[in-house]
Amino acid sequence: KVKKLSLEKYFGKNIRIFKSYSKMQKIKDDFGKDKVLLIDDNPDVLAKAKDTGWKTIRVVRGKHKNININADYIVSNLKDIENLSIFNNV
């Protein structure tokens, strides 16, 4: 999805895609918590990421769209991340 939407320019070479939160845990060792930006639609995954100290972008969609969860940024689709202030300098 990232390549299809031409969003890789916002992440450079350090983009990682995981199918489960448990597999993401090693990122803490690779980059440190202040270098991780997690994008997901699952409130449980977003809550765990926030507890870890990661920045988060919530995509409001699917079966979790009506669940309220705290995230640093909220978008309705992946293409909307281009409009976030976090990427203004790219």
N, C-alpha and C. Protein backbone atom coordinates (compact mmCIF):
# COMPACT_ATOMS: atom_id res chain seq x y z
N LYS A 1 0.82 -1.20 0.00
CA LYS A 1 0.00 0.00 0.00
C LYS A 1 0.86 1.25 0.00
N VAL A 2 1.94 1.20 0.76
CA VAL A 2 2.82 2.36 0.85
C VAL A 2 3.40 2.71 -0.52
N LYS A 3 3.88 1.71 -1.23
CA LYS A 3 4.44 1.94 -2.56
C LYS A 3 3.35 2.35 -3.56
N LYS A 4 2.22 1.69 -3.48
CA LYS A 4 1.12 1.99 -4.42
C LYS A 4 0.66 3.44 -4.28
N LEU A 5 0.68 3.97 -3.08
CA LEU A 5 0.24 5.34 -2.83
C LEU A 5 1.39 6.35 -2.91
N SER A 6 2.59 5.88 -3.26
CA SER A 6 3.79 6.72 -3.36
C SER A 6 4.11 7.43 -2.05
N LEU A 7 3.98 6.72 -0.95
CA LEU A 7 4.24 7.30 0.37
C LEU A 7 5.62 6.99 0.91
N GLU A 8 6.40 6.16 0.21
CA GLU A 8 7.70 5.76 0.75
C GLU A 8 8.64 6.94 0.92
N LYS A 9 8.45 8.02 0.18
CA LYS A 9 9.32 9.20 0.30
C LYS A 9 9.25 9.80 1.71
N TYR A 10 8.18 9.53 2.43
CA TYR A 10 8.05 10.06 3.78
C TYR A 10 8.78 9.22 4.82
N PHE A 11 9.18 8.03 4.43
CA PHE A 11 9.79 7.11 5.39
C PHE A 11 11.22 6.73 5.05
N GLY A 12 11.67 6.98 3.86
CA GLY A 12 13.03 6.64 3.46
C GLY A 12 13.26 5.14 3.48
N LYS A 13 14.46 4.76 3.82
CA LYS A 13 14.84 3.35 3.81
C LYS A 13 14.45 2.62 5.08
N ASN A 14 13.97 3.33 6.06
CA ASN A 14 13.70 2.73 7.36
C ASN A 14 12.27 2.28 7.57
N ILE A 15 11.55 2.02 6.51
CA ILE A 15 10.18 1.55 6.65
C ILE A 15 10.18 0.05 6.91
N ARG A 16 9.38 -0.37 7.84
CA ARG A 16 9.21 -1.78 8.19
C ARG A 16 7.71 -2.06 8.25
N ILE A 17 7.30 -3.18 7.69
CA ILE A 17 5.89 -3.56 7.70
C ILE A 17 5.78 -4.91 8.40
N PHE A 18 4.93 -4.96 9.42
CA PHE A 18 4.74 -6.17 10.21
C PHE A 18 3.27 -6.55 10.22
N LYS A 19 3.02 -7.85 10.32
CA LYS A 19 1.64 -8.33 10.36
C LYS A 19 1.10 -8.48 11.77
N SER A 20 1.97 -8.36 12.77
CA SER A 20 1.50 -8.45 14.15
C SER A 20 2.36 -7.58 15.06
N TYR A 21 1.76 -7.12 16.14
CA TYR A 21 2.48 -6.26 17.08
C TYR A 21 3.65 -6.99 17.72
N SER A 22 3.49 -8.25 18.02
CA SER A 22 4.56 -8.99 18.69
C SER A 22 5.84 -9.00 17.85
N LYS A 23 5.72 -9.00 16.55
CA LYS A 23 6.89 -8.99 15.68
C LYS A 23 7.54 -7.60 15.63
N MET A 24 6.82 -6.59 16.05
CA MET A 24 7.34 -5.22 16.04
C MET A 24 8.27 -4.93 17.21
N GLN A 25 8.24 -5.74 18.22
CA GLN A 25 8.99 -5.47 19.44
C GLN A 25 10.48 -5.25 19.20
N LYS A 26 11.06 -5.94 18.24
CA LYS A 26 12.50 -5.80 18.00
C LYS A 26 12.86 -4.41 17.47
N ILE A 27 11.90 -3.67 16.98
CA ILE A 27 12.17 -2.32 16.48
C ILE A 27 12.73 -1.43 17.58
N LYS A 28 12.28 -1.64 18.82
CA LYS A 28 12.79 -0.84 19.93
C LYS A 28 14.30 -0.92 20.00
N ASP A 29 14.84 -2.10 19.76
CA ASP A 29 16.29 -2.28 19.80
C ASP A 29 16.97 -1.71 18.56
N ASP A 30 16.29 -1.79 17.42
CA ASP A 30 16.88 -1.34 16.16
C ASP A 30 16.93 0.19 16.05
N PHE A 31 15.89 0.87 16.51
CA PHE A 31 15.78 2.31 16.27
C PHE A 31 15.62 3.15 17.53
N GLY A 32 15.15 2.59 18.60
CA GLY A 32 14.83 3.39 19.78
C GLY A 32 13.41 3.93 19.66
N LYS A 33 12.77 4.10 20.79
CA LYS A 33 11.35 4.46 20.78
C LYS A 33 11.06 5.81 20.14
N ASP A 34 11.99 6.75 20.20
CA ASP A 34 11.72 8.07 19.65
C ASP A 34 11.86 8.12 18.13
N LYS A 35 12.25 7.03 17.50
CA LYS A 35 12.42 6.98 16.05
C LYS A 35 11.35 6.14 15.36
N VAL A 36 10.34 5.71 16.11
CA VAL A 36 9.32 4.82 15.55
C VAL A 36 8.00 5.57 15.39
N LEU A 37 7.41 5.43 14.22
CA LEU A 37 6.08 5.95 13.94
C LEU A 37 5.24 4.77 13.48
N LEU A 38 4.27 4.39 14.28
CA LEU A 38 3.42 3.24 13.96
C LEU A 38 2.13 3.72 13.32
N ILE A 39 1.76 3.08 12.22
CA ILE A 39 0.51 3.38 11.53
C ILE A 39 -0.34 2.13 11.57
N ASP A 40 -1.56 2.24 12.13
CA ASP A 40 -2.43 1.07 12.25
C ASP A 40 -3.87 1.51 12.42
N ASP A 41 -4.79 0.55 12.28
CA ASP A 41 -6.20 0.83 12.51
C ASP A 41 -6.71 0.11 13.75
N ASN A 42 -5.89 -0.73 14.35
CA ASN A 42 -6.31 -1.53 15.50
C ASN A 42 -6.04 -0.78 16.81
N PRO A 43 -7.09 -0.46 17.58
CA PRO A 43 -6.91 0.27 18.83
C PRO A 43 -5.98 -0.41 19.84
N ASP A 44 -6.01 -1.73 19.89
CA ASP A 44 -5.13 -2.45 20.82
C ASP A 44 -3.66 -2.25 20.46
N VAL A 45 -3.35 -2.35 19.20
CA VAL A 45 -1.97 -2.16 18.73
C VAL A 45 -1.53 -0.71 18.97
N LEU A 46 -2.41 0.23 18.69
CA LEU A 46 -2.09 1.64 18.91
C LEU A 46 -1.85 1.94 20.39
N ALA A 47 -2.65 1.36 21.26
CA ALA A 47 -2.47 1.57 22.70
C ALA A 47 -1.13 1.01 23.18
N LYS A 48 -0.76 -0.17 22.71
CA LYS A 48 0.53 -0.76 23.08
C LYS A 48 1.68 0.10 22.57
N ALA A 49 1.54 0.60 21.36
CA ALA A 49 2.59 1.45 20.79
C ALA A 49 2.74 2.73 21.60
N LYS A 50 1.63 3.34 21.99
CA LYS A 50 1.68 4.55 22.81
C LYS A 50 2.34 4.25 24.16
N ASP A 51 2.02 3.11 24.75
CA ASP A 51 2.64 2.72 26.02
C ASP A 51 4.15 2.54 25.88
N THR A 52 4.59 2.15 24.70
CA THR A 52 6.01 1.96 24.43
C THR A 52 6.72 3.31 24.22
N GLY A 53 5.93 4.34 23.93
CA GLY A 53 6.50 5.66 23.70
C GLY A 53 6.63 6.03 22.24
N TRP A 54 6.05 5.21 21.36
CA TRP A 54 6.11 5.47 19.93
C TRP A 54 5.09 6.52 19.53
N LYS A 55 5.37 7.23 18.47
CA LYS A 55 4.40 8.11 17.83
C LYS A 55 3.44 7.22 17.04
N THR A 56 2.18 7.63 16.94
CA THR A 56 1.19 6.79 16.27
C THR A 56 0.33 7.60 15.29
N ILE A 57 -0.04 6.92 14.23
CA ILE A 57 -1.04 7.43 13.30
C ILE A 57 -2.15 6.39 13.25
N ARG A 58 -3.34 6.82 13.57
CA ARG A 58 -4.48 5.91 13.52
C ARG A 58 -5.23 6.11 12.21
N VAL A 59 -5.46 5.01 11.51
CA VAL A 59 -6.30 5.02 10.33
C VAL A 59 -7.68 4.54 10.79
N VAL A 60 -8.66 5.43 10.72
CA VAL A 60 -10.01 5.11 11.19
C VAL A 60 -10.74 4.40 10.07
N ARG A 61 -10.89 3.08 10.24
CA ARG A 61 -11.55 2.27 9.22
C ARG A 61 -11.90 0.92 9.80
N GLY A 62 -12.67 0.16 9.06
CA GLY A 62 -12.94 -1.23 9.40
C GLY A 62 -13.74 -1.42 10.68
N LYS A 63 -13.58 -2.60 11.26
CA LYS A 63 -14.38 -2.98 12.42
C LYS A 63 -14.07 -2.16 13.66
N HIS A 64 -12.94 -1.45 13.68
CA HIS A 64 -12.54 -0.67 14.85
C HIS A 64 -12.86 0.82 14.71
N LYS A 65 -13.53 1.21 13.65
CA LYS A 65 -13.69 2.64 13.38
C LYS A 65 -14.50 3.40 14.43
N ASN A 66 -15.36 2.71 15.16
CA ASN A 66 -16.18 3.39 16.17
C ASN A 66 -15.58 3.33 17.57
N ILE A 67 -14.39 2.75 17.71
CA ILE A 67 -13.73 2.67 19.01
C ILE A 67 -12.84 3.89 19.16
N ASN A 68 -12.98 4.59 20.27
CA ASN A 68 -12.19 5.78 20.53
C ASN A 68 -10.84 5.38 21.13
N ILE A 69 -9.76 5.87 20.54
CA ILE A 69 -8.42 5.57 21.04
C ILE A 69 -7.54 6.80 20.83
N ASN A 70 -6.66 7.04 21.76
CA ASN A 70 -5.74 8.15 21.67
C ASN A 70 -4.61 7.81 20.69
N ALA A 71 -4.36 8.70 19.75
CA ALA A 71 -3.25 8.56 18.81
C ALA A 71 -2.69 9.96 18.56
N ASP A 72 -1.44 10.04 18.13
CA ASP A 72 -0.83 11.34 17.85
C ASP A 72 -1.47 12.00 16.64
N TYR A 73 -1.82 11.19 15.66
CA TYR A 73 -2.46 11.68 14.44
C TYR A 73 -3.57 10.72 14.05
N ILE A 74 -4.62 11.26 13.44
CA ILE A 74 -5.75 10.43 13.01
C ILE A 74 -6.06 10.78 11.57
N VAL A 75 -6.17 9.75 10.74
CA VAL A 75 -6.52 9.92 9.33
C VAL A 75 -7.62 8.93 8.97
N SER A 76 -8.31 9.22 7.88
CA SER A 76 -9.36 8.30 7.44
C SER A 76 -8.86 7.31 6.40
N ASN A 77 -7.70 7.60 5.79
CA ASN A 77 -7.08 6.66 4.87
C ASN A 77 -5.58 6.95 4.80
N LEU A 78 -4.82 6.02 4.27
CA LEU A 78 -3.36 6.18 4.24
C LEU A 78 -2.90 7.39 3.44
N LYS A 79 -3.58 7.70 2.38
CA LYS A 79 -3.18 8.84 1.54
C LYS A 79 -3.23 10.15 2.33
N ASP A 80 -4.08 10.23 3.34
CA ASP A 80 -4.20 11.44 4.15
C ASP A 80 -2.95 11.75 4.97
N ILE A 81 -2.04 10.79 5.13
CA ILE A 81 -0.84 11.09 5.94
C ILE A 81 0.03 12.15 5.27
N GLU A 82 -0.12 12.34 3.97
CA GLU A 82 0.64 13.39 3.29
C GLU A 82 0.32 14.77 3.83
N ASN A 83 -0.85 14.95 4.40
CA ASN A 83 -1.29 16.24 4.89
C ASN A 83 -0.95 16.49 6.35
N LEU A 84 -0.31 15.54 7.00
CA LEU A 84 0.01 15.69 8.42
C LEU A 84 1.22 16.62 8.61
N SER A 85 1.19 17.39 9.66
CA SER A 85 2.28 18.33 9.94
C SER A 85 3.62 17.62 10.17
N ILE A 86 3.59 16.38 10.57
CA ILE A 86 4.81 15.62 10.83
C ILE A 86 5.65 15.47 9.56
N PHE A 87 5.02 15.55 8.39
CA PHE A 87 5.73 15.36 7.13
C PHE A 87 5.92 16.67 6.35
N ASN A 88 5.71 17.80 6.95
CA ASN A 88 5.82 19.08 6.24
C ASN A 88 7.21 19.34 5.68
N ASN A 89 8.24 18.79 6.26
CA ASN A 89 9.61 19.09 5.82
C ASN A 89 10.15 18.10 4.79
N VAL A 90 9.32 17.20 4.32
CA VAL A 90 9.78 16.17 3.37
C VAL A 90 9.71 16.72 1.96
